[in-house]
Structures are given as structure tokens and as C-alpha cells.
């Protein structure tokens, strides 16, 4: 990666949550390896190849008993002081007549990735973007059903959501400070709306920016790896929280909550692998979850996990 970046050779990359199965290839070879991507309109496929019809998903969420057991273990760790924010996730079984490539073409999102027979990602969340020697990150924390009464105000004033978002912004600001100078929060807790196959949801994000050194291309692998895993999908403090996640979740996350992106020779853009469907043993599994803090309520957190099982549509 450092050689290609330093020589301005474009490439595609994919890094899993555990950082055990990275994929790196010249940009033009990604499709030959089974990867289709669309990153804010930068794509390696003909967008007219498929026009699937929107079809509702049938959802069988992870059993509440299973979630409750893991949730209580996380709360115990929080009260011991070992974590103050932990993103707890589980796979839920889903059914749809669409295949993964259909979902890839159907979904509307700024960051989309499909690997044939394995998984599809349609992520709303940027990991980092590098442009004009500046690095940007847009951590996303806080979600609510837009149909609820006074939903925007409820989301922006909820103490739990404020605490969770503040924690992640501080974590990401510290992560960027490892590789950049003049790190600033440019926009704080702004609202976006996403239309899904079942409803509309609001979520809150922030924009953080820093200035990179002139030789950042030769340092690109260290730059990315120093910030992994993404803070918004693990928690804080990062190292201890990740170890708790690996104890309480059922399976390794794999490419879920990892990152993917591209370098075009001058600029880089990348996403956090959320809104993720994978195929295992002929079963589709949707991975989802949310941040747990000392202010969390188990029922609300379980419902948020279910609320995030969606496909965004036009």
C-alpha cells in the first residue's frame, strides 16, 4: 500500500474488524476478484445492469434472551470501569427473494460494496476521507424512527445519545491527532434522514478535520491501521472495549464493521462496513447493534438493533 500510494498507483482495499483478512489490489482488478463497489458515484460496474424491485425483508431478530445476557455482561463491565461505551452487535436472520447483488443495486447509500456469494454493505458512514492533504472523519452515533412525535428534538436532546455521541467524537478526534495536526470539529451533531424499505430514520453525525504531513502517502498503511478499528463501532477506551466485544459477541465480526475504500492516486475515501448482510450456510444474516452506556435501557437497545435492520431506498 505504501509503495502504491507513494507512486500514485490507484488501489482498492478492504480490512476486516479483526485485521486478519485484508484485501488489497490495483483498482482495475477489484472486479476480477468479485468485488463491486460504488463510493459516492465512483464505481466499477454499469449501474444499469440490474433494476430489482423493492421487496420487504422478513426479519427474525436475535433472541432477546441471547441479547439480554450479553447486554448485562457489558453493563457489568461498564460499572467496573472497564468501558464507558461499547457497541454491542449481533446477527439476525432475514429472508428476501432478492440475492445479495440485487440488494447491492437496490440499496441507496453513499458507500456500497458487494462480494459475490459472501456479503453486501450499503453504509452511510465514512471512515476517513483524504483530500488536499487534509483528513476528514464523520462519526455517526444516534438513531431514531423519524415517525415518532417530535423525533428530531427527542434525538438531539436525549442525554444518552448526547453522551454517546460526545464520547465517539472525542475518541475520533484523538485518533486523528495521532496522524494529523490542527484537528478540529468542523460540524457537531448534524442530522440526516434515511428512507428505508419500512420507514424513515434520523441519525446524527459530526465532521472532524485535520492537516496531514506532506509525505502522508508513504505513511498511508500506518495512518489507517493506527485508527482501526473505527471508534464508532467499538467504543472507548478502545483496546479494552474491543477485548470485551470479542468475549460477549457470538462470533468474530469479520468484514462487518471493518472498512473498505479506494485511493485514486491523489485522494482517498473509505467507509465503515455497517448496514451489512452476509450469507452463511444458505442463510442471510443481517448484522446490527448499538452503543451501550451506563444510561442505556435494555429494551431500547434491543429495539435499536432491530430498527437498524433495513435497506435504504430512493
C-alpha atoms as a PDB file:
ATOM      1  CA  UNK A   1       0.000   0.000   0.000  1.00  0.00           C
ATOM      2  CA  UNK A   2       2.756   2.470   0.883  1.00  0.00           C
ATOM      3  CA  UNK A   3       4.576   1.745  -2.403  1.00  0.00           C
ATOM      4  CA  UNK A   4       1.439   2.159  -4.487  1.00  0.00           C
ATOM      5  CA  UNK A   5       0.378   5.297  -2.641  1.00  0.00           C
ATOM      6  CA  UNK A   6       3.834   6.859  -2.929  1.00  0.00           C
ATOM      7  CA  UNK A   7       3.869   6.148  -6.687  1.00  0.00           C
ATOM      8  CA  UNK A   8       0.226   7.309  -7.030  1.00  0.00           C
ATOM      9  CA  UNK A   9      -0.997   3.899  -8.211  1.00  0.00           C
ATOM     10  CA  UNK A  10      -4.782   3.600  -7.649  1.00  0.00           C
ATOM     11  CA  UNK A  11      -5.949   0.686  -5.488  1.00  0.00           C
ATOM     12  CA  UNK A  12      -8.923  -0.856  -3.684  1.00  0.00           C
ATOM     13  CA  UNK A  13      -8.737  -2.039  -0.077  1.00  0.00           C
ATOM     14  CA  UNK A  14     -10.865  -3.965   2.408  1.00  0.00           C
ATOM     15  CA  UNK A  15      -9.870  -4.571   6.054  1.00  0.00           C
ATOM     16  CA  UNK A  16     -11.814  -6.770   8.469  1.00  0.00           C
ATOM     17  CA  UNK A  17     -12.602  -5.847  12.087  1.00  0.00           C
ATOM     18  CA  UNK A  18     -10.027  -8.292  13.491  1.00  0.00           C
ATOM     19  CA  UNK A  19      -7.454  -7.172  10.870  1.00  0.00           C
ATOM     20  CA  UNK A  20      -6.757 -10.785   9.899  1.00  0.00           C
ATOM     21  CA  UNK A  21      -8.030 -10.937   6.276  1.00  0.00           C
ATOM     22  CA  UNK A  22      -7.117  -7.704   4.467  1.00  0.00           C
ATOM     23  CA  UNK A  23      -7.672  -7.362   0.726  1.00  0.00           C
ATOM     24  CA  UNK A  24      -5.528  -5.007  -1.365  1.00  0.00           C
ATOM     25  CA  UNK A  25      -5.446  -4.893  -5.150  1.00  0.00           C
ATOM     26  CA  UNK A  26      -4.978  -2.487  -8.052  1.00  0.00           C
ATOM     27  CA  UNK A  27      -8.233  -0.659  -8.661  1.00  0.00           C
ATOM     28  CA  UNK A  28      -8.816  -2.275 -12.054  1.00  0.00           C
ATOM     29  CA  UNK A  29      -8.509  -5.797 -10.577  1.00  0.00           C
ATOM     30  CA  UNK A  30     -11.190  -5.467  -7.889  1.00  0.00           C
ATOM     31  CA  UNK A  31     -13.987  -6.656 -10.191  1.00  0.00           C
ATOM     32  CA  UNK A  32     -11.959  -9.689 -11.276  1.00  0.00           C
ATOM     33  CA  UNK A  33     -11.731 -10.635  -7.580  1.00  0.00           C
ATOM     34  CA  UNK A  34     -15.521 -10.489  -7.254  1.00  0.00           C
ATOM     35  CA  UNK A  35     -15.867  -7.008  -5.746  1.00  0.00           C
ATOM     36  CA  UNK A  36     -18.387  -4.448  -6.965  1.00  0.00           C
ATOM     37  CA  UNK A  37     -18.240  -1.029  -5.335  1.00  0.00           C
ATOM     38  CA  UNK A  38     -19.933   2.329  -5.557  1.00  0.00           C
ATOM     39  CA  UNK A  39     -18.304   5.033  -3.455  1.00  0.00           C
ATOM     40  CA  UNK A  40     -20.221   8.277  -3.910  1.00  0.00           C
ATOM     41  CA  UNK A  41     -20.643   7.585  -7.627  1.00  0.00           C
ATOM     42  CA  UNK A  42     -17.105   6.261  -8.163  1.00  0.00           C
ATOM     43  CA  UNK A  43     -17.894   2.714  -9.301  1.00  0.00           C
ATOM     44  CA  UNK A  44     -16.517  -0.281 -11.194  1.00  0.00           C
ATOM     45  CA  UNK A  45     -19.744  -1.557 -12.798  1.00  0.00           C
ATOM     46  CA  UNK A  46     -22.521  -0.495 -15.143  1.00  0.00           C
ATOM     47  CA  UNK A  47     -25.303   0.866 -12.887  1.00  0.00           C
ATOM     48  CA  UNK A  48     -27.981  -0.182 -15.403  1.00  0.00           C
ATOM     49  CA  UNK A  49     -27.163  -3.910 -15.214  1.00  0.00           C
ATOM     50  CA  UNK A  50     -29.921  -4.703 -12.696  1.00  0.00           C
ATOM     51  CA  UNK A  51     -33.146  -2.986 -11.676  1.00  0.00           C
ATOM     52  CA  UNK A  52     -34.612  -5.137  -8.867  1.00  0.00           C
ATOM     53  CA  UNK A  53     -38.000  -4.277  -7.422  1.00  0.00           C
ATOM     54  CA  UNK A  54     -38.161  -3.209  -3.769  1.00  0.00           C
ATOM     55  CA  UNK A  55     -39.395  -6.113  -1.652  1.00  0.00           C
ATOM     56  CA  UNK A  56     -39.834  -6.073   2.152  1.00  0.00           C
ATOM     57  CA  UNK A  57     -37.451  -8.081   4.290  1.00  0.00           C
ATOM     58  CA  UNK A  58     -38.673 -10.807   6.630  1.00  0.00           C
ATOM     59  CA  UNK A  59     -36.752 -10.414   9.892  1.00  0.00           C
ATOM     60  CA  UNK A  60     -36.096 -12.915  12.681  1.00  0.00           C
ATOM     61  CA  UNK A  61     -34.113 -10.886  15.229  1.00  0.00           C
ATOM     62  CA  UNK A  62     -31.538 -12.408  17.539  1.00  0.00           C
ATOM     63  CA  UNK A  63     -33.358 -13.897  20.534  1.00  0.00           C
ATOM     64  CA  UNK A  64     -33.996 -11.339  23.251  1.00  0.00           C
ATOM     65  CA  UNK A  65     -32.641 -13.799  25.840  1.00  0.00           C
ATOM     66  CA  UNK A  66     -29.334 -14.028  23.966  1.00  0.00           C
ATOM     67  CA  UNK A  67     -29.108 -10.256  23.637  1.00  0.00           C
ATOM     68  CA  UNK A  68     -30.077  -9.664  27.284  1.00  0.00           C
ATOM     69  CA  UNK A  69     -27.342 -11.986  28.554  1.00  0.00           C
ATOM     70  CA  UNK A  70     -24.669 -10.185  26.522  1.00  0.00           C
ATOM     71  CA  UNK A  71     -26.096  -6.768  27.390  1.00  0.00           C
ATOM     72  CA  UNK A  72     -25.899  -7.496  31.126  1.00  0.00           C
ATOM     73  CA  UNK A  73     -22.282  -8.620  30.815  1.00  0.00           C
ATOM     74  CA  UNK A  74     -21.499  -5.334  29.046  1.00  0.00           C
ATOM     75  CA  UNK A  75     -23.253  -3.303  31.756  1.00  0.00           C
ATOM     76  CA  UNK A  76     -21.243  -5.173  34.395  1.00  0.00           C
ATOM     77  CA  UNK A  77     -18.010  -4.221  32.596  1.00  0.00           C
ATOM     78  CA  UNK A  78     -19.146  -0.593  32.365  1.00  0.00           C
ATOM     79  CA  UNK A  79     -19.849  -0.435  36.098  1.00  0.00           C
ATOM     80  CA  UNK A  80     -16.446  -1.987  36.786  1.00  0.00           C
ATOM     81  CA  UNK A  81     -14.926   0.935  34.866  1.00  0.00           C
ATOM     82  CA  UNK A  82     -13.514  -1.233  32.061  1.00  0.00           C
ATOM     83  CA  UNK A  83     -15.529   0.575  29.362  1.00  0.00           C
ATOM     84  CA  UNK A  84     -17.784   3.593  29.241  1.00  0.00           C
ATOM     85  CA  UNK A  85     -19.178   2.980  25.745  1.00  0.00           C
ATOM     86  CA  UNK A  86     -19.393  -0.369  23.947  1.00  0.00           C
ATOM     87  CA  UNK A  87     -21.014  -1.080  20.598  1.00  0.00           C
ATOM     88  CA  UNK A  88     -22.814  -4.425  21.047  1.00  0.00           C
ATOM     89  CA  UNK A  89     -23.848  -6.213  17.829  1.00  0.00           C
ATOM     90  CA  UNK A  90     -25.485  -9.464  16.768  1.00  0.00           C
ATOM     91  CA  UNK A  91     -26.567 -11.168  13.533  1.00  0.00           C
ATOM     92  CA  UNK A  92     -30.300 -11.552  12.841  1.00  0.00           C
ATOM     93  CA  UNK A  93     -31.730 -13.941  10.245  1.00  0.00           C
ATOM     94  CA  UNK A  94     -33.534 -12.307   7.326  1.00  0.00           C
ATOM     95  CA  UNK A  95     -35.353 -13.617   4.261  1.00  0.00           C
ATOM     96  CA  UNK A  96     -35.879 -11.949   0.892  1.00  0.00           C
ATOM     97  CA  UNK A  97     -36.367 -13.182  -2.693  1.00  0.00           C
ATOM     98  CA  UNK A  98     -33.510 -10.868  -3.687  1.00  0.00           C
ATOM     99  CA  UNK A  99     -29.937 -12.105  -3.834  1.00  0.00           C
ATOM    100  CA  UNK A 100     -27.041 -10.097  -2.439  1.00  0.00           C
ATOM    101  CA  UNK A 101     -26.253  -8.460  -5.767  1.00  0.00           C
ATOM    102  CA  UNK A 102     -29.904  -7.413  -6.121  1.00  0.00           C
ATOM    103  CA  UNK A 103     -29.690  -5.771  -2.696  1.00  0.00           C
ATOM    104  CA  UNK A 104     -26.455  -4.063  -3.756  1.00  0.00           C
ATOM    105  CA  UNK A 105     -28.152  -2.485  -6.788  1.00  0.00           C
ATOM    106  CA  UNK A 106     -31.398  -1.744  -4.932  1.00  0.00           C
ATOM    107  CA  UNK A 107     -29.900  -0.009  -1.898  1.00  0.00           C
ATOM    108  CA  UNK A 108     -29.280   3.730  -1.932  1.00  0.00           C
ATOM    109  CA  UNK A 109     -26.212   4.701   0.110  1.00  0.00           C
ATOM    110  CA  UNK A 110     -23.027   6.756  -0.343  1.00  0.00           C
ATOM    111  CA  UNK A 111     -20.820   3.687   0.188  1.00  0.00           C
ATOM    112  CA  UNK A 112     -21.736   0.300  -1.284  1.00  0.00           C
ATOM    113  CA  UNK A 113     -19.725  -2.907  -1.642  1.00  0.00           C
ATOM    114  CA  UNK A 114     -20.652  -6.406  -2.791  1.00  0.00           C
ATOM    115  CA  UNK A 115     -18.558  -9.566  -2.801  1.00  0.00           C
ATOM    116  CA  UNK A 116     -20.152 -12.345  -4.779  1.00  0.00           C
ATOM    117  CA  UNK A 117     -21.740 -15.015  -2.589  1.00  0.00           C
ATOM    118  CA  UNK A 118     -20.393 -13.530   0.641  1.00  0.00           C
ATOM    119  CA  UNK A 119     -21.747 -10.133   1.691  1.00  0.00           C
ATOM    120  CA  UNK A 120     -23.146  -6.757   0.752  1.00  0.00           C
ATOM    121  CA  UNK A 121     -22.561  -3.412   2.506  1.00  0.00           C
ATOM    122  CA  UNK A 122     -24.592  -0.231   1.997  1.00  0.00           C
ATOM    123  CA  UNK A 123     -23.020   2.098   4.505  1.00  0.00           C
ATOM    124  CA  UNK A 124     -23.998   5.681   5.340  1.00  0.00           C
ATOM    125  CA  UNK A 125     -20.817   6.242   7.378  1.00  0.00           C
ATOM    126  CA  UNK A 126     -17.450   7.498   6.152  1.00  0.00           C
ATOM    127  CA  UNK A 127     -14.386   6.154   7.958  1.00  0.00           C
ATOM    128  CA  UNK A 128     -11.834   8.652   6.672  1.00  0.00           C
ATOM    129  CA  UNK A 129     -11.538  10.807   3.564  1.00  0.00           C
ATOM    130  CA  UNK A 130      -8.252  12.399   2.469  1.00  0.00           C
ATOM    131  CA  UNK A 131      -8.317  15.381   0.134  1.00  0.00           C
ATOM    132  CA  UNK A 132      -5.860  18.244  -0.428  1.00  0.00           C
ATOM    133  CA  UNK A 133      -3.595  16.950   2.373  1.00  0.00           C
ATOM    134  CA  UNK A 134      -6.441  17.071   4.910  1.00  0.00           C
ATOM    135  CA  UNK A 135      -8.032  14.066   6.584  1.00  0.00           C
ATOM    136  CA  UNK A 136     -11.733  14.015   7.456  1.00  0.00           C
ATOM    137  CA  UNK A 137     -13.857  11.688   9.555  1.00  0.00           C
ATOM    138  CA  UNK A 138     -17.628  11.669  10.060  1.00  0.00           C
ATOM    139  CA  UNK A 139     -18.513   9.517  13.090  1.00  0.00           C
ATOM    140  CA  UNK A 140     -22.191   8.564  13.252  1.00  0.00           C
ATOM    141  CA  UNK A 141     -23.895   7.970  16.603  1.00  0.00           C
ATOM    142  CA  UNK A 142     -27.582   8.347  17.414  1.00  0.00           C
ATOM    143  CA  UNK A 143     -30.596   6.927  15.570  1.00  0.00           C
ATOM    144  CA  UNK A 144     -34.368   7.368  15.904  1.00  0.00           C
ATOM    145  CA  UNK A 145     -37.509   6.414  13.991  1.00  0.00           C
ATOM    146  CA  UNK A 146     -38.491   9.578  12.119  1.00  0.00           C
ATOM    147  CA  UNK A 147     -42.194   8.730  12.552  1.00  0.00           C
ATOM    148  CA  UNK A 148     -42.069   9.270  16.312  1.00  0.00           C
ATOM    149  CA  UNK A 149     -43.576  12.510  17.646  1.00  0.00           C
ATOM    150  CA  UNK A 150     -41.005  15.311  17.783  1.00  0.00           C
ATOM    151  CA  UNK A 151     -38.336  12.829  16.655  1.00  0.00           C
ATOM    152  CA  UNK A 152     -35.619  15.362  15.802  1.00  0.00           C
ATOM    153  CA  UNK A 153     -35.824  17.116  19.158  1.00  0.00           C
ATOM    154  CA  UNK A 154     -36.020  13.809  21.019  1.00  0.00           C
ATOM    155  CA  UNK A 155     -32.829  12.577  19.350  1.00  0.00           C
ATOM    156  CA  UNK A 156     -30.850  15.807  19.766  1.00  0.00           C
ATOM    157  CA  UNK A 157     -31.777  16.297  23.451  1.00  0.00           C
ATOM    158  CA  UNK A 158     -31.640  12.693  24.715  1.00  0.00           C
ATOM    159  CA  UNK A 159     -28.931  12.540  27.465  1.00  0.00           C
ATOM    160  CA  UNK A 160     -27.872   9.015  26.498  1.00  0.00           C
ATOM    161  CA  UNK A 161     -27.492   9.928  22.816  1.00  0.00           C
ATOM    162  CA  UNK A 162     -25.598  13.129  23.693  1.00  0.00           C
ATOM    163  CA  UNK A 163     -23.214  11.220  25.971  1.00  0.00           C
ATOM    164  CA  UNK A 164     -22.626   8.518  23.362  1.00  0.00           C
ATOM    165  CA  UNK A 165     -22.008  10.966  20.524  1.00  0.00           C
ATOM    166  CA  UNK A 166     -19.676  13.145  22.619  1.00  0.00           C
ATOM    167  CA  UNK A 167     -17.630  10.096  23.570  1.00  0.00           C
ATOM    168  CA  UNK A 168     -17.158   8.977  19.976  1.00  0.00           C
ATOM    169  CA  UNK A 169     -16.327  12.472  18.709  1.00  0.00           C
ATOM    170  CA  UNK A 170     -13.654  12.752  21.399  1.00  0.00           C
ATOM    171  CA  UNK A 171     -12.290   9.305  20.508  1.00  0.00           C
ATOM    172  CA  UNK A 172     -12.141  10.053  16.772  1.00  0.00           C
ATOM    173  CA  UNK A 173     -10.576  13.451  17.433  1.00  0.00           C
ATOM    174  CA  UNK A 174      -7.859  11.697  19.429  1.00  0.00           C
ATOM    175  CA  UNK A 175      -7.391   9.082  16.694  1.00  0.00           C
ATOM    176  CA  UNK A 176      -6.919  11.773  14.045  1.00  0.00           C
ATOM    177  CA  UNK A 177      -4.474  13.591  16.324  1.00  0.00           C
ATOM    178  CA  UNK A 178      -2.163  10.554  16.057  1.00  0.00           C
ATOM    179  CA  UNK A 179      -1.625  11.241  12.357  1.00  0.00           C
ATOM    180  CA  UNK A 180      -2.627  14.877  11.787  1.00  0.00           C
ATOM    181  CA  UNK A 181      -2.265  18.377  13.219  1.00  0.00           C
ATOM    182  CA  UNK A 182      -4.771  21.203  13.667  1.00  0.00           C
ATOM    183  CA  UNK A 183      -7.550  18.682  14.388  1.00  0.00           C
ATOM    184  CA  UNK A 184     -10.915  20.426  14.693  1.00  0.00           C
ATOM    185  CA  UNK A 185     -14.585  19.504  14.957  1.00  0.00           C
ATOM    186  CA  UNK A 186     -15.997  21.406  11.967  1.00  0.00           C
ATOM    187  CA  UNK A 187     -19.657  20.353  12.381  1.00  0.00           C
ATOM    188  CA  UNK A 188     -21.169  18.835  15.507  1.00  0.00           C
ATOM    189  CA  UNK A 189     -24.218  16.547  15.739  1.00  0.00           C
ATOM    190  CA  UNK A 190     -25.905  17.419  12.471  1.00  0.00           C
ATOM    191  CA  UNK A 191     -28.997  15.467  11.377  1.00  0.00           C
ATOM    192  CA  UNK A 192     -29.518  13.305   8.288  1.00  0.00           C
ATOM    193  CA  UNK A 193     -32.610  11.352   7.246  1.00  0.00           C
ATOM    194  CA  UNK A 194     -32.537   7.939   5.561  1.00  0.00           C
ATOM    195  CA  UNK A 195     -35.547   6.420   3.791  1.00  0.00           C
ATOM    196  CA  UNK A 196     -35.707   2.640   4.198  1.00  0.00           C
ATOM    197  CA  UNK A 197     -37.927  -0.125   2.855  1.00  0.00           C
ATOM    198  CA  UNK A 198     -40.068   0.151   6.015  1.00  0.00           C
ATOM    199  CA  UNK A 199     -39.826   3.741   7.321  1.00  0.00           C
ATOM    200  CA  UNK A 200     -37.555   6.773   7.653  1.00  0.00           C
ATOM    201  CA  UNK A 201     -34.911   7.278  10.342  1.00  0.00           C
ATOM    202  CA  UNK A 202     -32.844  10.198  11.589  1.00  0.00           C
ATOM    203  CA  UNK A 203     -29.232   9.846  12.638  1.00  0.00           C
ATOM    204  CA  UNK A 204     -26.646  12.301  13.969  1.00  0.00           C
ATOM    205  CA  UNK A 205     -23.079  12.705  12.733  1.00  0.00           C
ATOM    206  CA  UNK A 206     -20.163  15.094  13.214  1.00  0.00           C
ATOM    207  CA  UNK A 207     -17.371  16.277  10.892  1.00  0.00           C
ATOM    208  CA  UNK A 208     -13.775  16.265  12.165  1.00  0.00           C
ATOM    209  CA  UNK A 209     -10.798  17.514  10.123  1.00  0.00           C
ATOM    210  CA  UNK A 210      -7.020  17.513  10.493  1.00  0.00           C
ATOM    211  CA  UNK A 211      -3.979  18.514   8.394  1.00  0.00           C
ATOM    212  CA  UNK A 212      -1.664  15.709   7.259  1.00  0.00           C
ATOM    213  CA  UNK A 213       2.117  15.925   6.764  1.00  0.00           C
ATOM    214  CA  UNK A 214       3.270  16.383   3.135  1.00  0.00           C
ATOM    215  CA  UNK A 215       4.594  12.786   2.945  1.00  0.00           C
ATOM    216  CA  UNK A 216       1.341  11.146   4.112  1.00  0.00           C
ATOM    217  CA  UNK A 217       1.142   8.858   1.071  1.00  0.00           C
ATOM    218  CA  UNK A 218       4.252   6.917   2.106  1.00  0.00           C
ATOM    219  CA  UNK A 219       2.788   6.566   5.609  1.00  0.00           C
ATOM    220  CA  UNK A 220      -0.677   5.510   4.494  1.00  0.00           C
ATOM    221  CA  UNK A 221      -0.738   1.944   5.931  1.00  0.00           C
ATOM    222  CA  UNK A 222       0.380   3.119   9.372  1.00  0.00           C
ATOM    223  CA  UNK A 223      -2.024   6.041   9.168  1.00  0.00           C
ATOM    224  CA  UNK A 224      -5.040   3.777   8.551  1.00  0.00           C
ATOM    225  CA  UNK A 225      -4.039   0.986  10.923  1.00  0.00           C
ATOM    226  CA  UNK A 226      -3.389   3.389  13.799  1.00  0.00           C
ATOM    227  CA  UNK A 227      -7.071   4.382  13.710  1.00  0.00           C
ATOM    228  CA  UNK A 228      -8.522   0.862  13.427  1.00  0.00           C
ATOM    229  CA  UNK A 229     -10.917  -0.452  14.401  1.00  0.00           C
ATOM    230  CA  UNK A 230     -13.198   2.511  13.784  1.00  0.00           C
ATOM    231  CA  UNK A 231     -14.160   4.094  17.097  1.00  0.00           C
ATOM    232  CA  UNK A 232     -17.848   4.467  16.251  1.00  0.00           C
ATOM    233  CA  UNK A 233     -18.341   0.699  16.039  1.00  0.00           C
ATOM    234  CA  UNK A 234     -16.311  -0.424  19.044  1.00  0.00           C
ATOM    235  CA  UNK A 235     -16.293   2.186  21.827  1.00  0.00           C
ATOM    236  CA  UNK A 236     -13.988   3.597  24.451  1.00  0.00           C
ATOM    237  CA  UNK A 237     -11.430   3.078  25.771  1.00  0.00           C
ATOM    238  CA  UNK A 238     -10.788   1.305  22.507  1.00  0.00           C
ATOM    239  CA  UNK A 239      -8.371  -1.537  23.349  1.00  0.00           C
ATOM    240  CA  UNK A 240     -10.195  -2.803  26.447  1.00  0.00           C
ATOM    241  CA  UNK A 241     -13.609  -2.335  24.831  1.00  0.00           C
ATOM    242  CA  UNK A 242     -12.584  -4.419  21.805  1.00  0.00           C
ATOM    243  CA  UNK A 243     -11.461  -7.231  24.106  1.00  0.00           C
ATOM    244  CA  UNK A 244     -14.870  -7.188  25.853  1.00  0.00           C
ATOM    245  CA  UNK A 245     -16.647  -7.241  22.477  1.00  0.00           C
ATOM    246  CA  UNK A 246     -14.701 -10.346  21.495  1.00  0.00           C
ATOM    247  CA  UNK A 247     -15.775 -12.025  24.735  1.00  0.00           C
ATOM    248  CA  UNK A 248     -19.518 -11.237  24.649  1.00  0.00           C
ATOM    249  CA  UNK A 249     -20.430 -11.387  20.949  1.00  0.00           C
ATOM    250  CA  UNK A 250     -21.185 -14.783  19.443  1.00  0.00           C
ATOM    251  CA  UNK A 251     -18.721 -14.836  16.553  1.00  0.00           C
ATOM    252  CA  UNK A 252     -15.850 -12.845  15.062  1.00  0.00           C
ATOM    253  CA  UNK A 253     -17.197  -9.870  13.138  1.00  0.00           C
ATOM    254  CA  UNK A 254     -15.076 -10.485  10.059  1.00  0.00           C
ATOM    255  CA  UNK A 255     -15.639  -7.809   7.437  1.00  0.00           C
ATOM    256  CA  UNK A 256     -18.613  -6.424   9.355  1.00  0.00           C
ATOM    257  CA  UNK A 257     -17.545  -3.131  10.994  1.00  0.00           C
ATOM    258  CA  UNK A 258     -14.254  -3.271   9.126  1.00  0.00           C
ATOM    259  CA  UNK A 259     -13.549  -0.690   6.420  1.00  0.00           C
ATOM    260  CA  UNK A 260     -13.308  -0.509   2.627  1.00  0.00           C
ATOM    261  CA  UNK A 261     -12.319   2.184   0.171  1.00  0.00           C
ATOM    262  CA  UNK A 262     -10.115   3.310  -2.659  1.00  0.00           C
ATOM    263  CA  UNK A 263      -7.122   5.526  -3.420  1.00  0.00           C
ATOM    264  CA  UNK A 264      -7.202   7.144  -6.879  1.00  0.00           C
ATOM    265  CA  UNK A 265      -3.623   8.380  -6.949  1.00  0.00           C
ATOM    266  CA  UNK A 266      -4.305  11.655  -5.149  1.00  0.00           C
ATOM    267  CA  UNK A 267      -7.283  11.226  -2.830  1.00  0.00           C
ATOM    268  CA  UNK A 268      -8.693   8.506  -0.595  1.00  0.00           C
ATOM    269  CA  UNK A 269     -12.219   7.755   0.524  1.00  0.00           C
ATOM    270  CA  UNK A 270     -13.374   4.920   2.787  1.00  0.00           C
ATOM    271  CA  UNK A 271     -16.394   3.643   4.693  1.00  0.00           C
ATOM    272  CA  UNK A 272     -17.203   1.795   7.881  1.00  0.00           C
ATOM    273  CA  UNK A 273     -18.778  -1.559   6.992  1.00  0.00           C
ATOM    274  CA  UNK A 274     -22.173  -1.123   8.634  1.00  0.00           C
ATOM    275  CA  UNK A 275     -25.624  -1.985   7.204  1.00  0.00           C
ATOM    276  CA  UNK A 276     -24.177  -5.401   6.388  1.00  0.00           C
ATOM    277  CA  UNK A 277     -25.783  -8.600   5.087  1.00  0.00           C
ATOM    278  CA  UNK A 278     -23.755 -11.792   4.810  1.00  0.00           C
ATOM    279  CA  UNK A 279     -24.591 -15.253   3.532  1.00  0.00           C
ATOM    280  CA  UNK A 280     -23.635 -18.247   5.672  1.00  0.00           C
ATOM    281  CA  UNK A 281     -24.775 -21.817   5.011  1.00  0.00           C
ATOM    282  CA  UNK A 282     -27.510 -20.578   2.635  1.00  0.00           C
ATOM    283  CA  UNK A 283     -28.860 -18.230   5.319  1.00  0.00           C
ATOM    284  CA  UNK A 284     -28.832 -14.435   5.086  1.00  0.00           C
ATOM    285  CA  UNK A 285     -27.704 -12.711   8.277  1.00  0.00           C
ATOM    286  CA  UNK A 286     -28.015  -9.001   8.936  1.00  0.00           C
ATOM    287  CA  UNK A 287     -25.505  -7.604  11.443  1.00  0.00           C
ATOM    288  CA  UNK A 288     -26.615  -4.687  13.589  1.00  0.00           C
ATOM    289  CA  UNK A 289     -26.332  -3.180  17.069  1.00  0.00           C
ATOM    290  CA  UNK A 290     -25.773  -0.001  19.019  1.00  0.00           C
ATOM    291  CA  UNK A 291     -23.744   1.757  21.678  1.00  0.00           C
ATOM    292  CA  UNK A 292     -24.225   0.744  25.332  1.00  0.00           C
ATOM    293  CA  UNK A 293     -23.502   3.241  28.143  1.00  0.00           C
ATOM    294  CA  UNK A 294     -24.445   3.477  31.829  1.00  0.00           C
ATOM    295  CA  UNK A 295     -27.521   5.432  30.686  1.00  0.00           C
ATOM    296  CA  UNK A 296     -28.747   2.638  28.400  1.00  0.00           C
ATOM    297  CA  UNK A 297     -32.053   0.796  28.687  1.00  0.00           C
ATOM    298  CA  UNK A 298     -32.047  -2.838  27.568  1.00  0.00           C
ATOM    299  CA  UNK A 299     -35.397  -2.736  25.775  1.00  0.00           C
ATOM    300  CA  UNK A 300     -34.450   0.423  23.887  1.00  0.00           C
ATOM    301  CA  UNK A 301     -31.094  -1.011  22.834  1.00  0.00           C
ATOM    302  CA  UNK A 302     -32.663  -4.268  21.633  1.00  0.00           C
ATOM    303  CA  UNK A 303     -35.255  -2.296  19.656  1.00  0.00           C
ATOM    304  CA  UNK A 304     -32.492  -0.164  18.103  1.00  0.00           C
ATOM    305  CA  UNK A 305     -30.735  -3.321  16.909  1.00  0.00           C
ATOM    306  CA  UNK A 306     -33.982  -4.305  15.142  1.00  0.00           C
ATOM    307  CA  UNK A 307     -34.653  -0.775  13.862  1.00  0.00           C
ATOM    308  CA  UNK A 308     -31.312  -0.805  12.045  1.00  0.00           C
ATOM    309  CA  UNK A 309     -32.277  -3.875  10.003  1.00  0.00           C
ATOM    310  CA  UNK A 310     -33.228  -2.120   6.779  1.00  0.00           C
ATOM    311  CA  UNK A 311     -32.333  -1.437   3.183  1.00  0.00           C
ATOM    312  CA  UNK A 312     -32.244   2.273   2.238  1.00  0.00           C
ATOM    313  CA  UNK A 313     -34.250   3.032  -0.895  1.00  0.00           C
ATOM    314  CA  UNK A 314     -34.809   6.008  -3.191  1.00  0.00           C
END
